[in-house]
C-alpha atoms as a PDB file:
ATOM      1  CA  MET A   1       0.000   0.000   0.000  1.00  0.00           C
ATOM      2  CA  TYR A   2       2.510   2.610   1.193  1.00  0.00           C
ATOM      3  CA  ASN A   3       6.219   2.616   0.703  1.00  0.00           C
ATOM      4  CA  PHE A   4       7.410   2.645   4.320  1.00  0.00           C
ATOM      5  CA  SER A   5      11.042   2.548   3.323  1.00  0.00           C
ATOM      6  CA  ASN A   6      10.767   6.254   2.549  1.00  0.00           C
ATOM      7  CA  PRO A   7      11.032   8.240   5.861  1.00  0.00           C
ATOM      8  CA  VAL A   8       8.932  11.120   4.463  1.00  0.00           C
ATOM      9  CA  ALA A   9       6.084   8.691   3.731  1.00  0.00           C
ATOM     10  CA  LYS A  10       6.287   7.351   7.295  1.00  0.00           C
ATOM     11  CA  ILE A  11       6.046  10.864   8.748  1.00  0.00           C
ATOM     12  CA  ALA A  12       3.202  11.792   6.392  1.00  0.00           C
ATOM     13  CA  ASP A  13       1.354   8.589   7.313  1.00  0.00           C
ATOM     14  CA  ILE A  14       1.816   9.228  11.043  1.00  0.00           C
ATOM     15  CA  GLN A  15       0.633  12.817  10.693  1.00  0.00           C
ATOM     16  CA  PHE A  16      -2.391  11.661   8.692  1.00  0.00           C
ATOM     17  CA  VAL A  17      -3.313   9.114  11.373  1.00  0.00           C
ATOM     18  CA  ARG A  18      -2.798  11.711  14.133  1.00  0.00           C
ATOM     19  CA  ALA A  19      -4.936  14.304  12.303  1.00  0.00           C
ATOM     20  CA  PHE A  20      -7.589  11.713  11.559  1.00  0.00           C
ATOM     21  CA  SER A  21      -7.601  10.594  15.226  1.00  0.00           C
ATOM     22  CA  ILE A  22      -8.005  14.195  16.396  1.00  0.00           C
ATOM     23  CA  LEU A  23     -10.843  14.712  13.914  1.00  0.00           C
ATOM     24  CA  VAL A  24     -12.593  11.562  15.129  1.00  0.00           C
ATOM     25  CA  GLY A  25     -12.182  12.698  18.748  1.00  0.00           C
ATOM     26  CA  VAL A  26     -13.613  16.137  18.000  1.00  0.00           C
ATOM     27  CA  LEU A  27     -16.542  14.652  16.103  1.00  0.00           C
ATOM     28  CA  LEU A  28     -17.220  12.263  18.983  1.00  0.00           C
ATOM     29  CA  VAL A  29     -17.277  15.139  21.476  1.00  0.00           C
ATOM     30  CA  VAL A  30     -19.580  17.153  19.195  1.00  0.00           C
ATOM     31  CA  TYR A  31     -21.865  14.119  18.789  1.00  0.00           C
ATOM     32  CA  ILE A  32     -22.088  13.639  22.566  1.00  0.00           C
ATOM     33  CA  GLY A  33     -22.823  17.359  22.988  1.00  0.00           C
ATOM     34  CA  VAL A  34     -25.581  17.333  20.380  1.00  0.00           C
ATOM     35  CA  LEU A  35     -27.035  14.154  21.870  1.00  0.00           C
ATOM     36  CA  SER A  36     -27.121  15.674  25.352  1.00  0.00           C
ATOM     37  CA  PHE A  37     -28.729  18.842  23.973  1.00  0.00           C
ATOM     38  CA  VAL A  38     -31.446  16.868  22.176  1.00  0.00           C
ATOM     39  CA  MET A  39     -32.144  14.738  25.249  1.00  0.00           C
ATOM     40  CA  THR A  40     -32.373  17.839  27.454  1.00  0.00           C
ATOM     41  CA  TYR A  41     -34.723  19.477  24.961  1.00  0.00           C
ATOM     42  CA  GLY A  42     -36.924  16.377  24.965  1.00  0.00           C
ATOM     43  CA  VAL A  43     -37.101  16.330  28.756  1.00  0.00           C
ATOM     44  CA  ILE A  44     -38.011  20.022  28.844  1.00  0.00           C
ATOM     45  CA  GLN A  45     -40.759  19.473  26.276  1.00  0.00           C
ATOM     46  CA  ILE A  46     -42.205  16.552  28.234  1.00  0.00           C
ATOM     47  CA  GLN A  47     -42.174  18.593  31.450  1.00  0.00           C
ATOM     48  CA  SER A  48     -43.868  21.495  29.664  1.00  0.00           C
ATOM     49  CA  ALA A  49     -46.576  19.204  28.288  1.00  0.00           C
ATOM     50  CA  GLU A  50     -47.185  17.778  31.767  1.00  0.00           C
ATOM     51  CA  ALA A  51     -47.418  21.291  33.220  1.00  0.00           C
ATOM     52  CA  VAL A  52     -49.962  22.304  30.576  1.00  0.00           C
ATOM     53  CA  ARG A  53     -52.006  19.161  31.232  1.00  0.00           C
ATOM     54  CA  ASP A  54     -51.924  19.750  35.005  1.00  0.00           C
ATOM     55  CA  THR A  55     -52.924  23.383  34.561  1.00  0.00           C
ATOM     56  CA  SER A  56     -55.801  22.396  32.269  1.00  0.00           C
ATOM     57  CA  ALA A  57     -57.018  19.896  34.858  1.00  0.00           C
ATOM     58  CA  HIS A  58     -56.850  22.559  37.570  1.00  0.00           C
ATOM     59  CA  VAL A  59     -58.778  25.028  35.403  1.00  0.00           C
ATOM     60  CA  ALA A  60     -61.422  22.368  34.719  1.00  0.00           C
ATOM     61  CA  THR A  61     -61.776  21.801  38.472  1.00  0.00           C
ATOM     62  CA  LEU A  62     -62.175  25.534  39.071  1.00  0.00           C
ATOM     63  CA  ASP A  63     -64.756  25.739  36.272  1.00  0.00           C
ATOM     64  CA  ALA A  64     -66.779  22.918  37.832  1.00  0.00           C
ATOM     65  CA  GLU A  65     -66.681  24.634  41.234  1.00  0.00           C
ATOM     66  CA  TYR A  66     -67.732  27.927  39.655  1.00  0.00           C
ATOM     67  CA  PHE A  67     -70.668  26.411  37.805  1.00  0.00           C
ATOM     68  CA  ASP A  68     -71.767  24.535  40.948  1.00  0.00           C
ATOM     69  CA  THR A  69     -71.707  27.800  42.905  1.00  0.00           C
ATOM     70  CA  VAL A  70     -73.651  29.629  40.186  1.00  0.00           C
ATOM     71  CA  ALA A  71     -76.218  26.824  40.113  1.00  0.00           C
ATOM     72  CA  LYS A  72     -76.659  27.015  43.896  1.00  0.00           C
ATOM     73  CA  LEU A  73     -77.072  30.796  43.739  1.00  0.00           C
ATOM     74  CA  SER A  74     -79.557  30.499  40.884  1.00  0.00           C
ATOM     75  CA  ASP A  75     -81.655  28.045  42.887  1.00  0.00           C
ATOM     76  CA  ILE A  76     -82.042  30.476  45.808  1.00  0.00           C
ATOM     77  CA  LYS A  77     -85.385  32.274  45.822  1.00  0.00           C
ATOM     78  CA  PRO A  78     -84.945  36.006  46.567  1.00  0.00           C
ATOM     79  CA  GLU A  79     -88.156  36.007  48.609  1.00  0.00           C
ATOM     80  CA  SER A  80     -86.627  33.539  51.059  1.00  0.00           C
ATOM     81  CA  LEU A  81     -83.920  36.095  51.830  1.00  0.00           C
ATOM     82  CA  GLY A  82     -86.402  38.875  52.592  1.00  0.00           C
ATOM     83  CA  PHE A  83     -86.469  40.513  49.166  1.00  0.00           C
ATOM     84  CA  GLU A  84     -89.814  41.623  47.773  1.00  0.00           C
ATOM     85  CA  LYS A  85     -90.825  41.545  44.154  1.00  0.00           C
ATOM     86  CA  PRO A  86     -91.317  45.055  42.699  1.00  0.00           C
ATOM     87  CA  SER A  87     -94.866  45.957  41.699  1.00  0.00           C
ATOM     88  CA  SER A  88     -93.697  47.645  38.495  1.00  0.00           C
ATOM     89  CA  ILE A  89     -90.511  48.357  36.595  1.00  0.00           C
ATOM     90  CA  ALA A  90     -89.934  51.628  34.715  1.00  0.00           C
ATOM     91  CA  TYR A  91     -86.923  52.659  32.647  1.00  0.00           C
ATOM     92  CA  ILE A  92     -85.591  56.179  32.231  1.00  0.00           C
ATOM     93  CA  THR A  93     -84.687  56.924  28.626  1.00  0.00           C
ATOM     94  CA  ASN A  94     -82.802  59.690  26.864  1.00  0.00           C
ATOM     95  CA  THR A  95     -79.749  59.353  29.077  1.00  0.00           C
ATOM     96  CA  GLN A  96     -76.300  58.070  28.268  1.00  0.00           C
ATOM     97  CA  THR A  97     -76.864  54.883  30.217  1.00  0.00           C
ATOM     98  CA  ALA A  98     -80.148  53.135  30.809  1.00  0.00           C
ATOM     99  CA  VAL A  99     -81.318  53.453  34.402  1.00  0.00           C
ATOM    100  CA  SER A 100     -83.900  51.199  35.981  1.00  0.00           C
ATOM    101  CA  MET A 101     -86.353  52.550  38.523  1.00  0.00           C
ATOM    102  CA  ARG A 102     -88.096  49.874  40.518  1.00  0.00           C
ATOM    103  CA  THR A 103     -91.111  50.935  42.471  1.00  0.00           C
ATOM    104  CA  ARG A 104     -93.431  49.126  44.828  1.00  0.00           C
END
């Protein structure tokens, strides 16, 4: 393959192997770095997805509590709390905001 009797060829071959070994080492370090970056990114994405799912579940729980409270308040009769039904309702017009006047 190579003529190793020539000392220049031996030195060139040794330098080629050394350079190639350094290149392989650098590429291996870069590969490990990229692999660790990708794995870290994947873990962060999974944690973010879990956080979003947990937050959605918490919001759903709060929504259910809210709607239960609104349903309970809607079921309460105002008369049972001492409120009386107005005998008539009249609205004032020609103002910037509509105003309700409730009379007995």
